[in-house]
N, C-alpha and C. Protein backbone atom coordinates (compact mmCIF):
# COMPACT_ATOMS: atom_id res chain seq x y z
N MET A 1 6.09 34.01 0.32
CA MET A 1 4.81 34.16 -0.36
C MET A 1 4.60 33.02 -1.37
N ASN A 2 5.62 32.73 -2.13
CA ASN A 2 5.52 31.67 -3.12
C ASN A 2 5.27 30.32 -2.45
N ASN A 3 5.93 30.09 -1.32
CA ASN A 3 5.77 28.86 -0.57
C ASN A 3 4.33 28.71 -0.11
N TYR A 4 3.73 29.80 0.35
CA TYR A 4 2.34 29.79 0.81
C TYR A 4 1.40 29.39 -0.33
N MET A 5 1.68 29.91 -1.52
CA MET A 5 0.85 29.60 -2.68
C MET A 5 0.94 28.12 -3.03
N GLU A 6 2.13 27.57 -2.93
CA GLU A 6 2.32 26.14 -3.23
C GLU A 6 1.56 25.29 -2.24
N ILE A 7 1.63 25.63 -0.97
CA ILE A 7 0.92 24.89 0.07
C ILE A 7 -0.59 24.99 -0.18
N ASN A 8 -1.05 26.19 -0.50
CA ASN A 8 -2.46 26.42 -0.77
C ASN A 8 -2.93 25.59 -1.97
N ALA A 9 -2.13 25.54 -3.02
CA ALA A 9 -2.46 24.76 -4.22
C ALA A 9 -2.54 23.27 -3.88
N GLY A 10 -1.61 22.80 -3.07
CA GLY A 10 -1.61 21.40 -2.65
C GLY A 10 -2.85 21.08 -1.83
N TYR A 11 -3.22 22.02 -0.96
CA TYR A 11 -4.40 21.84 -0.12
C TYR A 11 -5.66 21.74 -0.98
N TRP A 12 -5.77 22.60 -1.97
CA TRP A 12 -6.93 22.58 -2.86
C TRP A 12 -6.97 21.32 -3.70
N ALA A 13 -5.80 20.84 -4.12
CA ALA A 13 -5.74 19.61 -4.90
C ALA A 13 -6.26 18.44 -4.08
N ILE A 14 -5.86 18.37 -2.82
CA ILE A 14 -6.33 17.31 -1.92
C ILE A 14 -7.83 17.44 -1.70
N LEU A 15 -8.28 18.67 -1.50
CA LEU A 15 -9.70 18.92 -1.27
C LEU A 15 -10.53 18.49 -2.49
N LYS A 16 -10.04 18.80 -3.67
CA LYS A 16 -10.74 18.42 -4.90
C LYS A 16 -10.80 16.90 -5.04
N LEU A 17 -9.70 16.22 -4.71
CA LEU A 17 -9.69 14.76 -4.77
C LEU A 17 -10.71 14.18 -3.81
N ASP A 18 -10.77 14.74 -2.59
CA ASP A 18 -11.74 14.26 -1.61
C ASP A 18 -13.16 14.48 -2.12
N LEU A 19 -13.41 15.62 -2.75
CA LEU A 19 -14.74 15.91 -3.28
C LEU A 19 -15.10 14.93 -4.38
N LYS A 20 -14.13 14.58 -5.23
CA LYS A 20 -14.38 13.61 -6.29
C LYS A 20 -14.74 12.26 -5.70
N LYS A 21 -14.00 11.84 -4.66
CA LYS A 21 -14.29 10.56 -4.00
C LYS A 21 -15.68 10.57 -3.41
N ILE A 22 -16.03 11.67 -2.75
CA ILE A 22 -17.36 11.79 -2.13
C ILE A 22 -18.44 11.74 -3.21
N ARG A 23 -18.21 12.42 -4.32
CA ARG A 23 -19.18 12.41 -5.42
C ARG A 23 -19.34 11.02 -5.98
N LEU A 24 -18.23 10.30 -6.16
CA LEU A 24 -18.29 8.93 -6.66
C LEU A 24 -19.07 8.04 -5.70
N LYS A 25 -18.81 8.20 -4.40
CA LYS A 25 -19.52 7.41 -3.40
C LYS A 25 -21.01 7.70 -3.45
N SER A 26 -21.38 8.96 -3.48
CA SER A 26 -22.79 9.33 -3.50
C SER A 26 -23.44 8.87 -4.81
N LEU A 27 -22.69 8.91 -5.90
CA LEU A 27 -23.20 8.45 -7.19
C LEU A 27 -23.48 6.95 -7.12
N LYS A 28 -22.53 6.19 -6.58
CA LYS A 28 -22.71 4.74 -6.42
C LYS A 28 -23.91 4.44 -5.54
N LEU A 29 -24.04 5.19 -4.45
CA LEU A 29 -25.16 4.99 -3.54
C LEU A 29 -26.48 5.29 -4.22
N SER A 30 -26.55 6.36 -4.98
CA SER A 30 -27.80 6.73 -5.66
C SER A 30 -28.15 5.70 -6.72
N VAL A 31 -27.13 5.16 -7.39
CA VAL A 31 -27.36 4.11 -8.39
C VAL A 31 -27.89 2.85 -7.69
N LEU A 32 -27.28 2.49 -6.57
CA LEU A 32 -27.74 1.33 -5.81
C LEU A 32 -29.17 1.52 -5.34
N ASN A 33 -29.46 2.71 -4.82
CA ASN A 33 -30.81 3.01 -4.35
C ASN A 33 -31.81 2.92 -5.49
N TYR A 34 -31.42 3.40 -6.65
CA TYR A 34 -32.29 3.37 -7.83
C TYR A 34 -32.66 1.93 -8.19
N PHE A 35 -31.66 1.07 -8.18
CA PHE A 35 -31.92 -0.34 -8.53
C PHE A 35 -32.71 -1.05 -7.43
N LEU A 36 -32.43 -0.70 -6.18
CA LEU A 36 -33.15 -1.32 -5.07
C LEU A 36 -34.62 -0.89 -5.07
N LEU A 37 -34.86 0.38 -5.36
CA LEU A 37 -36.23 0.88 -5.38
C LEU A 37 -37.00 0.36 -6.59
N ASP A 38 -36.31 0.15 -7.67
CA ASP A 38 -36.91 -0.32 -8.90
C ASP A 38 -37.21 -1.80 -8.83
C-alpha cells in the first residue's frame, strides 16, 4: 500500500511539472500573440 502511494505521488509530481511546462508555453504564446497583434 505504501509503495502504491509513493508511485502515485511520483506520478502526480510529473503531471504537475508537465502542466507547468504547458502553462509556460501557452503563456509565452499568448504574450507573443499580444505583441504580434499590437
